[in-house]
Structure formats: structure tokens, C-alpha cells
Amino acid sequence: IGAITAIANDAMDKLLQKGEADLVRDYATEIAANFWLQFLGIPLEMRESFSRWSAAIVPMLAFKRTDEQVAAANENADEMWTYLRSHYESIKDSETEPRFTC
């Protein structure tokens, strides 16, 4: 709970510094993205990449999608999978315990 509170507080601090914001984009999405990155043990610096990969993959959930969307989703899913495989291979034998606790 403490980690989630810290993520929410950080997102709110950023929102207040901007003076105006879109609550979904600047608060809810920020909280969700940072939660999942930390939960999965992914460095927060990878947030932009994960956002891009996710944005390209999500249209695959729609009933109607273009060939371009399918190609972009496949390409981005491959990039994400390559990163995840590499990341977890690099930490699987590490003595470092995950820092995130729910």
C-alpha cells in the first residue's frame, strides 16, 4: 500500500506543478504505468518505450483494425518481448530482491 500511495502522491505533485492537467492522462495513466513498471521490476526510465509499445498493441483488441495497425502491433510486441526477455535474463540470478512491495 505504501508504494502505491507514493506513486499516487508523486503523480499528484506533478499534476499540481503543471497547474492544469487531464486527469486521465496525467494522473490515472501515470499511476497505472508506474505501478506496473515497478511491480514487474522494470526501470521507470523505460516508461516511454512501454507507453509506445502498449499504444501500438491496444488496437488489436478492436474488432476492426487495419493491416497497418496489425503490423505495428506485431512489431511493437516483438520489441517489448525482446526487452522483457533480456531484462529478466539479466536479473533472474541477481541477489537483489525486488524493491516494490504491495
N, C-alpha and C. Protein backbone atom coordinates (compact mmCIF):
# COMPACT_ATOMS: atom_id res chain seq x y z
N ILE A 1 0.84 -1.20 0.00
CA ILE A 1 0.00 0.00 0.00
C ILE A 1 0.87 1.25 0.00
N GLY A 2 1.97 1.23 0.75
CA GLY A 2 2.84 2.40 0.82
C GLY A 2 3.42 2.78 -0.52
N ALA A 3 3.81 1.78 -1.32
CA ALA A 3 4.38 2.06 -2.64
C ALA A 3 3.34 2.68 -3.56
N ILE A 4 2.12 2.19 -3.49
CA ILE A 4 1.05 2.72 -4.33
C ILE A 4 0.73 4.16 -3.92
N THR A 5 0.72 4.41 -2.63
CA THR A 5 0.49 5.77 -2.13
C THR A 5 1.58 6.70 -2.62
N ALA A 6 2.83 6.24 -2.59
CA ALA A 6 3.95 7.06 -3.06
C ALA A 6 3.81 7.37 -4.55
N ILE A 7 3.41 6.39 -5.34
CA ILE A 7 3.19 6.60 -6.78
C ILE A 7 2.09 7.62 -7.01
N ALA A 8 0.97 7.49 -6.27
CA ALA A 8 -0.15 8.42 -6.41
C ALA A 8 0.25 9.83 -5.98
N ASN A 9 0.98 9.94 -4.88
CA ASN A 9 1.43 11.25 -4.41
C ASN A 9 2.36 11.91 -5.41
N ASP A 10 3.27 11.14 -5.98
CA ASP A 10 4.20 11.68 -6.96
C ASP A 10 3.44 12.18 -8.20
N ALA A 11 2.47 11.40 -8.65
CA ALA A 11 1.66 11.81 -9.80
C ALA A 11 0.88 13.09 -9.50
N MET A 12 0.34 13.20 -8.28
CA MET A 12 -0.40 14.39 -7.90
C MET A 12 0.53 15.60 -7.81
N ASP A 13 1.72 15.42 -7.28
CA ASP A 13 2.69 16.51 -7.22
C ASP A 13 3.00 17.04 -8.61
N LYS A 14 3.22 16.14 -9.57
CA LYS A 14 3.49 16.56 -10.95
C LYS A 14 2.30 17.30 -11.54
N LEU A 15 1.10 16.80 -11.26
CA LEU A 15 -0.11 17.43 -11.76
C LEU A 15 -0.25 18.84 -11.21
N LEU A 16 -0.02 19.01 -9.92
CA LEU A 16 -0.15 20.32 -9.28
C LEU A 16 0.91 21.30 -9.78
N GLN A 17 2.09 20.81 -10.09
CA GLN A 17 3.15 21.67 -10.62
C GLN A 17 2.79 22.22 -12.00
N LYS A 18 2.07 21.42 -12.78
CA LYS A 18 1.66 21.86 -14.12
C LYS A 18 0.59 22.94 -14.05
N GLY A 19 -0.22 22.93 -13.00
CA GLY A 19 -1.27 23.91 -12.86
C GLY A 19 -2.58 23.51 -13.51
N GLU A 20 -2.51 22.74 -14.57
CA GLU A 20 -3.70 22.21 -15.22
C GLU A 20 -3.32 20.86 -15.81
N ALA A 21 -4.32 19.99 -15.96
CA ALA A 21 -3.99 18.66 -16.44
C ALA A 21 -5.22 17.91 -16.88
N ASP A 22 -4.99 16.89 -17.63
CA ASP A 22 -6.01 15.92 -17.99
C ASP A 22 -5.90 14.82 -16.94
N LEU A 23 -6.93 14.63 -16.13
CA LEU A 23 -6.84 13.69 -15.02
C LEU A 23 -6.58 12.26 -15.47
N VAL A 24 -7.12 11.88 -16.61
CA VAL A 24 -6.88 10.50 -17.07
C VAL A 24 -5.43 10.36 -17.53
N ARG A 25 -4.99 11.22 -18.40
CA ARG A 25 -3.63 11.13 -18.95
C ARG A 25 -2.57 11.43 -17.90
N ASP A 26 -2.74 12.52 -17.16
CA ASP A 26 -1.69 12.99 -16.27
C ASP A 26 -1.73 12.41 -14.86
N TYR A 27 -2.81 11.75 -14.51
CA TYR A 27 -2.90 11.18 -13.16
C TYR A 27 -3.17 9.67 -13.19
N ALA A 28 -4.30 9.28 -13.72
CA ALA A 28 -4.66 7.86 -13.70
C ALA A 28 -3.68 7.01 -14.52
N THR A 29 -3.35 7.46 -15.73
CA THR A 29 -2.44 6.70 -16.57
C THR A 29 -1.04 6.68 -15.96
N GLU A 30 -0.64 7.79 -15.39
CA GLU A 30 0.67 7.88 -14.72
C GLU A 30 0.76 6.88 -13.58
N ILE A 31 -0.28 6.81 -12.77
CA ILE A 31 -0.29 5.87 -11.64
C ILE A 31 -0.25 4.43 -12.15
N ALA A 32 -1.09 4.10 -13.11
CA ALA A 32 -1.14 2.73 -13.62
C ALA A 32 0.19 2.32 -14.24
N ALA A 33 0.75 3.18 -15.06
CA ALA A 33 2.01 2.85 -15.73
C ALA A 33 3.13 2.64 -14.72
N ASN A 34 3.27 3.56 -13.79
CA ASN A 34 4.34 3.44 -12.81
C ASN A 34 4.14 2.25 -11.89
N PHE A 35 2.89 1.97 -11.53
CA PHE A 35 2.63 0.79 -10.71
C PHE A 35 3.11 -0.47 -11.41
N TRP A 36 2.69 -0.66 -12.67
CA TRP A 36 3.04 -1.89 -13.38
C TRP A 36 4.52 -2.00 -13.64
N LEU A 37 5.16 -0.89 -13.97
CA LEU A 37 6.61 -0.95 -14.17
C LEU A 37 7.32 -1.39 -12.89
N GLN A 38 6.94 -0.79 -11.78
CA GLN A 38 7.57 -1.17 -10.52
C GLN A 38 7.20 -2.59 -10.12
N PHE A 39 5.96 -2.97 -10.30
CA PHE A 39 5.50 -4.31 -9.95
C PHE A 39 6.27 -5.37 -10.73
N LEU A 40 6.54 -5.09 -12.01
CA LEU A 40 7.27 -6.02 -12.86
C LEU A 40 8.78 -5.90 -12.74
N GLY A 41 9.25 -4.92 -11.97
CA GLY A 41 10.69 -4.74 -11.80
C GLY A 41 11.36 -4.07 -12.98
N ILE A 42 10.61 -3.30 -13.73
CA ILE A 42 11.12 -2.61 -14.92
C ILE A 42 11.55 -1.20 -14.50
N PRO A 43 12.73 -0.76 -14.91
CA PRO A 43 13.17 0.61 -14.57
C PRO A 43 12.17 1.65 -15.10
N LEU A 44 11.89 2.65 -14.29
CA LEU A 44 10.95 3.69 -14.69
C LEU A 44 11.41 4.44 -15.95
N GLU A 45 12.70 4.39 -16.23
CA GLU A 45 13.22 5.04 -17.44
C GLU A 45 12.64 4.40 -18.71
N MET A 46 12.10 3.20 -18.60
CA MET A 46 11.54 2.50 -19.75
C MET A 46 10.07 2.88 -20.00
N ARG A 47 9.54 3.80 -19.22
CA ARG A 47 8.12 4.16 -19.32
C ARG A 47 7.71 4.59 -20.72
N GLU A 48 8.53 5.43 -21.36
CA GLU A 48 8.19 5.92 -22.71
C GLU A 48 8.10 4.75 -23.69
N SER A 49 9.04 3.83 -23.60
CA SER A 49 9.02 2.67 -24.50
C SER A 49 7.78 1.83 -24.25
N PHE A 50 7.47 1.57 -22.98
CA PHE A 50 6.30 0.76 -22.67
C PHE A 50 5.01 1.45 -23.10
N SER A 51 4.96 2.75 -22.97
CA SER A 51 3.78 3.50 -23.42
C SER A 51 3.62 3.36 -24.93
N ARG A 52 4.72 3.49 -25.66
CA ARG A 52 4.68 3.38 -27.13
C ARG A 52 4.27 1.96 -27.53
N TRP A 53 4.90 0.97 -26.90
CA TRP A 53 4.58 -0.42 -27.23
C TRP A 53 3.10 -0.71 -26.95
N SER A 54 2.63 -0.28 -25.79
CA SER A 54 1.24 -0.53 -25.40
C SER A 54 0.27 0.15 -26.34
N ALA A 55 0.55 1.41 -26.69
CA ALA A 55 -0.34 2.16 -27.59
C ALA A 55 -0.46 1.47 -28.95
N ALA A 56 0.61 0.84 -29.40
CA ALA A 56 0.56 0.15 -30.69
C ALA A 56 -0.16 -1.19 -30.59
N ILE A 57 -0.09 -1.83 -29.43
CA ILE A 57 -0.68 -3.16 -29.26
C ILE A 57 -2.18 -3.10 -28.97
N VAL A 58 -2.63 -2.08 -28.25
CA VAL A 58 -4.04 -1.98 -27.83
C VAL A 58 -5.04 -2.07 -28.99
N PRO A 59 -4.78 -1.47 -30.16
CA PRO A 59 -5.76 -1.59 -31.25
C PRO A 59 -6.07 -3.03 -31.66
N MET A 60 -5.24 -3.97 -31.28
CA MET A 60 -5.50 -5.38 -31.61
C MET A 60 -6.75 -5.89 -30.89
N LEU A 61 -7.20 -5.17 -29.87
CA LEU A 61 -8.40 -5.57 -29.12
C LEU A 61 -9.68 -5.16 -29.84
N ALA A 62 -9.57 -4.30 -30.84
CA ALA A 62 -10.74 -3.82 -31.58
C ALA A 62 -11.19 -4.86 -32.61
N PHE A 63 -12.48 -4.84 -32.92
CA PHE A 63 -12.99 -5.74 -33.94
C PHE A 63 -12.51 -5.35 -35.33
N LYS A 64 -12.43 -4.05 -35.55
CA LYS A 64 -11.95 -3.56 -36.84
C LYS A 64 -10.57 -2.96 -36.64
N ARG A 65 -9.63 -3.44 -37.44
CA ARG A 65 -8.28 -2.89 -37.39
C ARG A 65 -7.68 -2.98 -38.78
N THR A 66 -6.78 -2.08 -39.05
CA THR A 66 -6.15 -2.04 -40.37
C THR A 66 -4.93 -2.94 -40.42
N ASP A 67 -4.50 -3.23 -41.63
CA ASP A 67 -3.28 -4.01 -41.80
C ASP A 67 -2.08 -3.29 -41.18
N GLU A 68 -2.09 -1.96 -41.26
CA GLU A 68 -1.01 -1.17 -40.67
C GLU A 68 -1.00 -1.30 -39.15
N GLN A 69 -2.19 -1.30 -38.54
CA GLN A 69 -2.27 -1.47 -37.09
C GLN A 69 -1.76 -2.85 -36.67
N VAL A 70 -2.12 -3.86 -37.44
CA VAL A 70 -1.66 -5.22 -37.14
C VAL A 70 -0.14 -5.30 -37.25
N ALA A 71 0.40 -4.73 -38.30
CA ALA A 71 1.86 -4.75 -38.49
C ALA A 71 2.56 -4.00 -37.36
N ALA A 72 2.03 -2.82 -37.01
CA ALA A 72 2.63 -2.02 -35.92
C ALA A 72 2.54 -2.76 -34.59
N ALA A 73 1.39 -3.39 -34.34
CA ALA A 73 1.22 -4.15 -33.09
C ALA A 73 2.21 -5.29 -33.02
N ASN A 74 2.36 -6.03 -34.11
CA ASN A 74 3.30 -7.15 -34.13
C ASN A 74 4.74 -6.69 -33.91
N GLU A 75 5.11 -5.61 -34.58
CA GLU A 75 6.47 -5.08 -34.44
C GLU A 75 6.73 -4.63 -33.00
N ASN A 76 5.77 -3.90 -32.44
CA ASN A 76 5.94 -3.41 -31.06
C ASN A 76 5.89 -4.53 -30.04
N ALA A 77 5.05 -5.53 -30.27
CA ALA A 77 5.01 -6.67 -29.36
C ALA A 77 6.33 -7.42 -29.39
N ASP A 78 6.94 -7.55 -30.55
CA ASP A 78 8.25 -8.18 -30.66
C ASP A 78 9.31 -7.39 -29.89
N GLU A 79 9.29 -6.06 -30.06
CA GLU A 79 10.24 -5.21 -29.32
C GLU A 79 10.06 -5.35 -27.82
N MET A 80 8.79 -5.34 -27.36
CA MET A 80 8.52 -5.46 -25.93
C MET A 80 9.00 -6.82 -25.41
N TRP A 81 8.68 -7.86 -26.13
CA TRP A 81 9.07 -9.21 -25.71
C TRP A 81 10.59 -9.34 -25.66
N THR A 82 11.28 -8.79 -26.65
CA THR A 82 12.74 -8.83 -26.66
C THR A 82 13.31 -8.11 -25.44
N TYR A 83 12.76 -6.94 -25.15
CA TYR A 83 13.23 -6.20 -23.97
C TYR A 83 12.96 -7.00 -22.69
N LEU A 84 11.73 -7.49 -22.53
CA LEU A 84 11.38 -8.22 -21.30
C LEU A 84 12.25 -9.46 -21.11
N ARG A 85 12.45 -10.20 -22.18
CA ARG A 85 13.29 -11.39 -22.08
C ARG A 85 14.70 -11.01 -21.66
N SER A 86 15.28 -10.01 -22.28
CA SER A 86 16.63 -9.55 -21.94
C SER A 86 16.70 -9.04 -20.50
N HIS A 87 15.70 -8.24 -20.11
CA HIS A 87 15.67 -7.68 -18.76
C HIS A 87 15.62 -8.78 -17.71
N TYR A 88 14.71 -9.71 -17.88
CA TYR A 88 14.56 -10.75 -16.87
C TYR A 88 15.72 -11.73 -16.87
N GLU A 89 16.35 -11.95 -18.01
CA GLU A 89 17.56 -12.78 -18.04
C GLU A 89 18.67 -12.11 -17.25
N SER A 90 18.74 -10.78 -17.34
CA SER A 90 19.81 -10.05 -16.65
C SER A 90 19.60 -9.99 -15.14
N ILE A 91 18.37 -10.13 -14.67
CA ILE A 91 18.14 -10.02 -13.22
C ILE A 91 17.77 -11.34 -12.55
N LYS A 92 17.51 -12.39 -13.31
CA LYS A 92 16.98 -13.61 -12.71
C LYS A 92 17.92 -14.24 -11.70
N ASP A 93 19.22 -14.14 -11.90
CA ASP A 93 20.16 -14.73 -10.96
C ASP A 93 20.76 -13.70 -10.01
N SER A 94 20.22 -12.51 -10.07
CA SER A 94 20.71 -11.42 -9.22
C SER A 94 20.35 -11.67 -7.77
N GLU A 95 21.21 -11.22 -6.88
CA GLU A 95 20.91 -11.35 -5.45
C GLU A 95 20.02 -10.22 -4.97
N THR A 96 19.79 -9.26 -5.84
CA THR A 96 18.96 -8.12 -5.47
C THR A 96 17.50 -8.52 -5.43
N GLU A 97 16.86 -8.24 -4.34
CA GLU A 97 15.44 -8.50 -4.20
C GLU A 97 14.65 -7.36 -4.79
N PRO A 98 13.48 -7.61 -5.33
CA PRO A 98 12.64 -6.52 -5.84
C PRO A 98 12.37 -5.50 -4.72
N ARG A 99 12.37 -4.23 -5.09
CA ARG A 99 12.16 -3.17 -4.11
C ARG A 99 10.70 -2.82 -3.93
N PHE A 100 9.87 -3.29 -4.80
CA PHE A 100 8.46 -2.91 -4.76
C PHE A 100 7.67 -3.95 -3.96
N THR A 101 6.89 -3.46 -3.02
CA THR A 101 6.03 -4.37 -2.26
C THR A 101 4.64 -3.78 -2.19
N CYS A 102 3.66 -4.59 -2.48
CA CYS A 102 2.26 -4.13 -2.45
C CYS A 102 1.71 -4.31 -1.05
